[in-house]
């Protein structure tokens, strides 16, 4: 199965996008976070697939899991 999320500096400024589209992971999360449904996203973006949306959410989850906070001394 090909990767559904791609990063290319020539596409959308290098932001992660759903392969074959110019739909960013950020946009998908923003729309879902503002109460839009998966069906609404699919209707608004004919090249988008349910699998692509799921991949965007998984990509974001993986990115957050990898994030680490490092405490520094104040001063």
PDB file of N, CA and C in Angstrom:
ATOM      1  N   UNK A   1       0.851  -1.183   0.000  1.00  0.00           N
ATOM      2  CA  UNK A   1       0.000   0.000   0.000  1.00  0.00           C
ATOM      3  C   UNK A   1       0.893   1.241   0.000  1.00  0.00           C
ATOM      4  N   UNK A   2       0.698   2.143  -0.948  1.00  0.00           N
ATOM      5  CA  UNK A   2       1.536   3.345  -0.990  1.00  0.00           C
ATOM      6  C   UNK A   2       1.257   4.244   0.207  1.00  0.00           C
ATOM      7  N   UNK A   3       2.250   5.056   0.537  1.00  0.00           N
ATOM      8  CA  UNK A   3       2.054   6.001   1.633  1.00  0.00           C
ATOM      9  C   UNK A   3       0.967   6.996   1.248  1.00  0.00           C
ATOM     10  N   UNK A   4       0.055   7.218   2.146  1.00  0.00           N
ATOM     11  CA  UNK A   4      -1.045   8.131   1.859  1.00  0.00           C
ATOM     12  C   UNK A   4      -0.740   9.574   2.241  1.00  0.00           C
ATOM     13  N   UNK A   5       0.316   9.774   3.030  1.00  0.00           N
ATOM     14  CA  UNK A   5       0.721  11.123   3.392  1.00  0.00           C
ATOM     15  C   UNK A   5       2.097  11.369   2.788  1.00  0.00           C
ATOM     16  N   UNK A   6       2.226  12.483   2.083  1.00  0.00           N
ATOM     17  CA  UNK A   6       3.502  12.816   1.462  1.00  0.00           C
ATOM     18  C   UNK A   6       3.940  14.205   1.896  1.00  0.00           C
ATOM     19  N   UNK A   7       5.256  14.409   1.853  1.00  0.00           N
ATOM     20  CA  UNK A   7       5.837  15.710   2.163  1.00  0.00           C
ATOM     21  C   UNK A   7       6.795  16.044   1.026  1.00  0.00           C
ATOM     22  N   UNK A   8       6.526  17.154   0.368  1.00  0.00           N
ATOM     23  CA  UNK A   8       7.346  17.600  -0.751  1.00  0.00           C
ATOM     24  C   UNK A   8       7.451  19.114  -0.667  1.00  0.00           C
ATOM     25  N   UNK A   9       8.669  19.643  -0.595  1.00  0.00           N
ATOM     26  CA  UNK A   9       8.817  21.096  -0.476  1.00  0.00           C
ATOM     27  C   UNK A   9       8.151  21.874  -1.605  1.00  0.00           C
ATOM     28  N   UNK A  10       7.874  21.220  -2.724  1.00  0.00           N
ATOM     29  CA  UNK A  10       7.262  21.896  -3.868  1.00  0.00           C
ATOM     30  C   UNK A  10       5.732  21.905  -3.797  1.00  0.00           C
ATOM     31  N   UNK A  11       5.179  21.184  -2.825  1.00  0.00           N
ATOM     32  CA  UNK A  11       3.712  21.097  -2.697  1.00  0.00           C
ATOM     33  C   UNK A  11       3.303  21.669  -1.349  1.00  0.00           C
ATOM     34  N   UNK A  12       2.483  22.680  -1.385  1.00  0.00           N
ATOM     35  CA  UNK A  12       1.929  23.323  -0.180  1.00  0.00           C
ATOM     36  C   UNK A  12       3.025  23.708   0.822  1.00  0.00           C
ATOM     37  N   UNK A  13       4.149  24.179   0.299  1.00  0.00           N
ATOM     38  CA  UNK A  13       5.232  24.650   1.167  1.00  0.00           C
ATOM     39  C   UNK A  13       5.869  23.564   2.003  1.00  0.00           C
ATOM     40  N   UNK A  14       5.723  22.315   1.596  1.00  0.00           N
ATOM     41  CA  UNK A  14       6.341  21.215   2.327  1.00  0.00           C
ATOM     42  C   UNK A  14       5.505  20.670   3.473  1.00  0.00           C
ATOM     43  N   UNK A  15       4.278  21.166   3.605  1.00  0.00           N
ATOM     44  CA  UNK A  15       3.409  20.616   4.649  1.00  0.00           C
ATOM     45  C   UNK A  15       2.966  19.214   4.247  1.00  0.00           C
ATOM     46  N   UNK A  16       2.722  18.342   5.220  1.00  0.00           N
ATOM     47  CA  UNK A  16       2.223  17.001   4.894  1.00  0.00           C
ATOM     48  C   UNK A  16       0.853  17.093   4.227  1.00  0.00           C
ATOM     49  N   UNK A  17       0.710  16.403   3.099  1.00  0.00           N
ATOM     50  CA  UNK A  17      -0.555  16.390   2.362  1.00  0.00           C
ATOM     51  C   UNK A  17      -0.998  14.960   2.104  1.00  0.00           C
ATOM     52  N   UNK A  18      -2.262  14.802   1.819  1.00  0.00           N
ATOM     53  CA  UNK A  18      -2.788  13.502   1.420  1.00  0.00           C
ATOM     54  C   UNK A  18      -2.352  13.282  -0.024  1.00  0.00           C
ATOM     55  N   UNK A  19      -1.707  12.163  -0.273  1.00  0.00           N
ATOM     56  CA  UNK A  19      -1.127  11.861  -1.580  1.00  0.00           C
ATOM     57  C   UNK A  19      -2.132  12.070  -2.696  1.00  0.00           C
ATOM     58  N   UNK A  20      -1.663  12.704  -3.769  1.00  0.00           N
ATOM     59  CA  UNK A  20      -2.513  12.934  -4.928  1.00  0.00           C
ATOM     60  C   UNK A  20      -3.432  14.131  -4.795  1.00  0.00           C
ATOM     61  N   UNK A  21      -3.302  14.865  -3.692  1.00  0.00           N
ATOM     62  CA  UNK A  21      -4.138  16.042  -3.469  1.00  0.00           C
ATOM     63  C   UNK A  21      -3.249  17.185  -2.979  1.00  0.00           C
ATOM     64  N   UNK A  22      -3.849  18.325  -2.821  1.00  0.00           N
ATOM     65  CA  UNK A  22      -3.175  19.448  -2.160  1.00  0.00           C
ATOM     66  C   UNK A  22      -3.860  19.709  -0.814  1.00  0.00           C
ATOM     67  N   UNK A  23      -4.502  18.686  -0.273  1.00  0.00           N
ATOM     68  CA  UNK A  23      -5.199  18.783   1.009  1.00  0.00           C
ATOM     69  C   UNK A  23      -4.202  18.440   2.112  1.00  0.00           C
ATOM     70  N   UNK A  24      -3.936  19.409   2.987  1.00  0.00           N
ATOM     71  CA  UNK A  24      -2.956  19.200   4.045  1.00  0.00           C
ATOM     72  C   UNK A  24      -3.561  18.462   5.240  1.00  0.00           C
ATOM     73  N   UNK A  25      -2.684  17.801   5.971  1.00  0.00           N
ATOM     74  CA  UNK A  25      -3.087  17.161   7.225  1.00  0.00           C
ATOM     75  C   UNK A  25      -3.654  18.225   8.153  1.00  0.00           C
ATOM     76  N   UNK A  26      -3.016  19.369   8.188  1.00  0.00           N
ATOM     77  CA  UNK A  26      -3.470  20.471   9.034  1.00  0.00           C
ATOM     78  C   UNK A  26      -4.907  20.867   8.699  1.00  0.00           C
ATOM     79  N   UNK A  27      -5.224  20.972   7.413  1.00  0.00           N
ATOM     80  CA  UNK A  27      -6.573  21.349   6.985  1.00  0.00           C
ATOM     81  C   UNK A  27      -7.602  20.316   7.435  1.00  0.00           C
ATOM     82  N   UNK A  28      -7.285  19.039   7.262  1.00  0.00           N
ATOM     83  CA  UNK A  28      -8.209  17.972   7.665  1.00  0.00           C
ATOM     84  C   UNK A  28      -8.485  18.066   9.163  1.00  0.00           C
ATOM     85  N   UNK A  29      -7.434  18.205   9.960  1.00  0.00           N
ATOM     86  CA  UNK A  29      -7.618  18.294  11.411  1.00  0.00           C
ATOM     87  C   UNK A  29      -8.413  19.535  11.796  1.00  0.00           C
ATOM     88  N   UNK A  30      -8.122  20.656  11.128  1.00  0.00           N
ATOM     89  CA  UNK A  30      -8.838  21.893  11.410  1.00  0.00           C
ATOM     90  C   UNK A  30     -10.333  21.735  11.123  1.00  0.00           C
ATOM     91  N   UNK A  31     -10.645  21.137   9.985  1.00  0.00           N
ATOM     92  CA  UNK A  31     -12.042  20.964   9.605  1.00  0.00           C
ATOM     93  C   UNK A  31     -12.765  20.015  10.573  1.00  0.00           C
ATOM     94  N   UNK A  32     -12.125  18.909  10.901  1.00  0.00           N
ATOM     95  CA  UNK A  32     -12.738  17.977  11.854  1.00  0.00           C
ATOM     96  C   UNK A  32     -12.888  18.616  13.224  1.00  0.00           C
ATOM     97  N   UNK A  33     -11.889  19.391  13.627  1.00  0.00           N
ATOM     98  CA  UNK A  33     -11.923  20.073  14.916  1.00  0.00           C
ATOM     99  C   UNK A  33     -12.996  21.140  15.005  1.00  0.00           C
ATOM    100  N   UNK A  34     -13.392  21.667  13.862  1.00  0.00           N
ATOM    101  CA  UNK A  34     -14.450  22.675  13.833  1.00  0.00           C
ATOM    102  C   UNK A  34     -15.823  22.066  13.554  1.00  0.00           C
ATOM    103  N   UNK A  35     -15.912  20.758  13.702  1.00  0.00           N
ATOM    104  CA  UNK A  35     -17.215  20.104  13.640  1.00  0.00           C
ATOM    105  C   UNK A  35     -17.657  19.611  12.277  1.00  0.00           C
ATOM    106  N   UNK A  36     -16.808  19.740  11.264  1.00  0.00           N
ATOM    107  CA  UNK A  36     -17.184  19.213   9.946  1.00  0.00           C
ATOM    108  C   UNK A  36     -17.048  17.697   9.962  1.00  0.00           C
ATOM    109  N   UNK A  37     -17.903  17.037   9.253  1.00  0.00           N
ATOM    110  CA  UNK A  37     -17.887  15.574   9.227  1.00  0.00           C
ATOM    111  C   UNK A  37     -16.977  15.072   8.109  1.00  0.00           C
ATOM    112  N   UNK A  38     -16.639  13.803   8.197  1.00  0.00           N
ATOM    113  CA  UNK A  38     -15.862  13.157   7.145  1.00  0.00           C
ATOM    114  C   UNK A  38     -16.633  13.241   5.830  1.00  0.00           C
ATOM    115  N   UNK A  39     -17.921  13.031   5.883  1.00  0.00           N
ATOM    116  CA  UNK A  39     -18.757  13.106   4.677  1.00  0.00           C
ATOM    117  C   UNK A  39     -18.667  14.496   4.053  1.00  0.00           C
ATOM    118  N   UNK A  40     -18.719  15.536   4.864  1.00  0.00           N
ATOM    119  CA  UNK A  40     -18.600  16.898   4.336  1.00  0.00           C
ATOM    120  C   UNK A  40     -17.247  17.116   3.661  1.00  0.00           C
ATOM    121  N   UNK A  41     -16.187  16.600   4.285  1.00  0.00           N
ATOM    122  CA  UNK A  41     -14.861  16.725   3.671  1.00  0.00           C
ATOM    123  C   UNK A  41     -14.811  16.000   2.333  1.00  0.00           C
ATOM    124  N   UNK A  42     -15.369  14.816   2.291  1.00  0.00           N
ATOM    125  CA  UNK A  42     -15.366  14.037   1.054  1.00  0.00           C
ATOM    126  C   UNK A  42     -16.186  14.732  -0.033  1.00  0.00           C
ATOM    127  N   UNK A  43     -17.301  15.311   0.333  1.00  0.00           N
ATOM    128  CA  UNK A  43     -18.144  16.009  -0.639  1.00  0.00           C
ATOM    129  C   UNK A  43     -17.456  17.268  -1.169  1.00  0.00           C
ATOM    130  N   UNK A  44     -16.695  17.924  -0.315  1.00  0.00           N
ATOM    131  CA  UNK A  44     -16.035  19.168  -0.703  1.00  0.00           C
ATOM    132  C   UNK A  44     -14.744  18.980  -1.478  1.00  0.00           C
ATOM    133  N   UNK A  45     -14.203  17.772  -1.436  1.00  0.00           N
ATOM    134  CA  UNK A  45     -12.912  17.494  -2.079  1.00  0.00           C
ATOM    135  C   UNK A  45     -13.002  16.151  -2.798  1.00  0.00           C
ATOM    136  N   UNK A  46     -13.397  16.173  -4.060  1.00  0.00           N
ATOM    137  CA  UNK A  46     -13.661  14.935  -4.809  1.00  0.00           C
ATOM    138  C   UNK A  46     -12.486  13.948  -4.873  1.00  0.00           C
ATOM    139  N   UNK A  47     -11.250  14.435  -4.806  1.00  0.00           N
ATOM    140  CA  UNK A  47     -10.098  13.520  -4.878  1.00  0.00           C
ATOM    141  C   UNK A  47      -9.744  12.920  -3.515  1.00  0.00           C
ATOM    142  N   UNK A  48     -10.358  13.417  -2.473  1.00  0.00           N
ATOM    143  CA  UNK A  48     -10.103  12.938  -1.122  1.00  0.00           C
ATOM    144  C   UNK A  48     -10.834  11.623  -0.887  1.00  0.00           C
ATOM    145  N   UNK A  49     -10.207  10.743  -0.097  1.00  0.00           N
ATOM    146  CA  UNK A  49     -10.832   9.469   0.250  1.00  0.00           C
ATOM    147  C   UNK A  49     -10.927   9.341   1.763  1.00  0.00           C
ATOM    148  N   UNK A  50     -11.787   8.456   2.191  1.00  0.00           N
ATOM    149  CA  UNK A  50     -11.908   8.174   3.625  1.00  0.00           C
ATOM    150  C   UNK A  50     -10.563   7.682   4.165  1.00  0.00           C
ATOM    151  N   UNK A  51      -9.870   6.852   3.389  1.00  0.00           N
ATOM    152  CA  UNK A  51      -8.567   6.328   3.814  1.00  0.00           C
ATOM    153  C   UNK A  51      -7.558   7.461   3.962  1.00  0.00           C
ATOM    154  N   UNK A  52      -7.638   8.442   3.075  1.00  0.00           N
ATOM    155  CA  UNK A  52      -6.748   9.597   3.165  1.00  0.00           C
ATOM    156  C   UNK A  52      -6.998  10.398   4.430  1.00  0.00           C
ATOM    157  N   UNK A  53      -8.255  10.578   4.773  1.00  0.00           N
ATOM    158  CA  UNK A  53      -8.600  11.298   6.008  1.00  0.00           C
ATOM    159  C   UNK A  53      -8.097  10.525   7.221  1.00  0.00           C
ATOM    160  N   UNK A  54      -8.316   9.222   7.227  1.00  0.00           N
ATOM    161  CA  UNK A  54      -7.832   8.392   8.336  1.00  0.00           C
ATOM    162  C   UNK A  54      -6.314   8.454   8.433  1.00  0.00           C
ATOM    163  N   UNK A  55      -5.635   8.468   7.286  1.00  0.00           N
ATOM    164  CA  UNK A  55      -4.177   8.558   7.286  1.00  0.00           C
ATOM    165  C   UNK A  55      -3.712   9.895   7.850  1.00  0.00           C
ATOM    166  N   UNK A  56      -4.443  10.969   7.547  1.00  0.00           N
ATOM    167  CA  UNK A  56      -4.092  12.287   8.070  1.00  0.00           C
ATOM    168  C   UNK A  56      -4.191  12.311   9.590  1.00  0.00           C
ATOM    169  N   UNK A  57      -5.250  11.738  10.115  1.00  0.00           N
ATOM    170  CA  UNK A  57      -5.424  11.687  11.572  1.00  0.00           C
ATOM    171  C   UNK A  57      -4.331  10.824  12.198  1.00  0.00           C
ATOM    172  N   UNK A  58      -4.038   9.692  11.609  1.00  0.00           N
ATOM    173  CA  UNK A  58      -2.978   8.814  12.130  1.00  0.00           C
ATOM    174  C   UNK A  58      -1.627   9.500  12.088  1.00  0.00           C
ATOM    175  N   UNK A  59      -1.361  10.227  11.005  1.00  0.00           N
ATOM    176  CA  UNK A  59      -0.099  10.952  10.877  1.00  0.00           C
ATOM    177  C   UNK A  59       0.052  11.955  12.027  1.00  0.00           C
ATOM    178  N   UNK A  60      -1.016  12.690  12.302  1.00  0.00           N
ATOM    179  CA  UNK A  60      -0.981  13.679  13.377  1.00  0.00           C
ATOM    180  C   UNK A  60      -0.781  13.016  14.734  1.00  0.00           C
ATOM    181  N   UNK A  61      -1.449  11.902  14.957  1.00  0.00           N
ATOM    182  CA  UNK A  61      -1.287  11.178  16.223  1.00  0.00           C
ATOM    183  C   UNK A  61       0.160  10.728  16.388  1.00  0.00           C
ATOM    184  N   UNK A  62       0.737  10.163  15.332  1.00  0.00           N
ATOM    185  CA  UNK A  62       2.128   9.709  15.391  1.00  0.00           C
ATOM    186  C   UNK A  62       3.083  10.866  15.649  1.00  0.00           C
ATOM    187  N   UNK A  63       2.820  12.021  15.019  1.00  0.00           N
ATOM    188  CA  UNK A  63       3.675  13.191  15.222  1.00  0.00           C
ATOM    189  C   UNK A  63       3.606  13.659  16.675  1.00  0.00           C
ATOM    190  N   UNK A  64       2.420  13.643  17.255  1.00  0.00           N
ATOM    191  CA  UNK A  64       2.280  14.057  18.654  1.00  0.00           C
ATOM    192  C   UNK A  64       2.911  13.049  19.604  1.00  0.00           C
ATOM    193  N   UNK A  65       2.803  11.779  19.278  1.00  0.00           N
ATOM    194  CA  UNK A  65       3.444  10.760  20.125  1.00  0.00           C
ATOM    195  C   UNK A  65       4.950  10.947  20.158  1.00  0.00           C
ATOM    196  N   UNK A  66       5.519  11.362  19.045  1.00  0.00           N
ATOM    197  CA  UNK A  66       6.968  11.528  18.934  1.00  0.00           C
ATOM    198  C   UNK A  66       7.458  12.828  19.592  1.00  0.00           C
ATOM    199  N   UNK A  67       6.545  13.751  19.846  1.00  0.00           N
ATOM    200  CA  UNK A  67       6.925  15.044  20.412  1.00  0.00           C
ATOM    201  C   UNK A  67       7.369  14.887  21.863  1.00  0.00           C
ATOM    202  N   UNK A  68       8.443  15.542  22.204  1.00  0.00           N
ATOM    203  CA  UNK A  68       8.954  15.507  23.568  1.00  0.00           C
ATOM    204  C   UNK A  68       9.161  16.932  24.070  1.00  0.00           C
ATOM    205  N   UNK A  69       8.857  17.155  25.330  1.00  0.00           N
ATOM    206  CA  UNK A  69       9.063  18.459  25.944  1.00  0.00           C
ATOM    207  C   UNK A  69      10.312  18.354  26.802  1.00  0.00           C
ATOM    208  N   UNK A  70      11.204  19.323  26.615  1.00  0.00           N
ATOM    209  CA  UNK A  70      12.450  19.347  27.369  1.00  0.00           C
ATOM    210  C   UNK A  70      12.441  20.561  28.273  1.00  0.00           C
ATOM    211  N   UNK A  71      12.578  20.327  29.576  1.00  0.00           N
ATOM    212  CA  UNK A  71      12.605  21.423  30.535  1.00  0.00           C
ATOM    213  C   UNK A  71      13.976  22.086  30.491  1.00  0.00           C
ATOM    214  N   UNK A  72      13.969  23.411  30.564  1.00  0.00           N
ATOM    215  CA  UNK A  72      15.219  24.156  30.619  1.00  0.00           C
ATOM    216  C   UNK A  72      15.229  25.012  31.876  1.00  0.00           C
ATOM    217  N   UNK A  73      16.404  25.328  32.325  1.00  0.00           N
ATOM    218  CA  UNK A  73      16.532  26.171  33.518  1.00  0.00           C
ATOM    219  C   UNK A  73      16.115  27.597  33.181  1.00  0.00           C
ATOM    220  N   UNK A  74      15.328  28.204  34.048  1.00  0.00           N
ATOM    221  CA  UNK A  74      14.903  29.587  33.831  1.00  0.00           C
ATOM    222  C   UNK A  74      16.098  30.506  34.094  1.00  0.00           C
ATOM    223  N   UNK A  75      16.153  31.553  33.326  1.00  0.00           N
ATOM    224  CA  UNK A  75      17.205  32.461  33.674  1.00  0.00           C
ATOM    225  C   UNK A  75      17.711  33.226  32.595  1.00  0.00           C
TER     226      UNK A  75
END
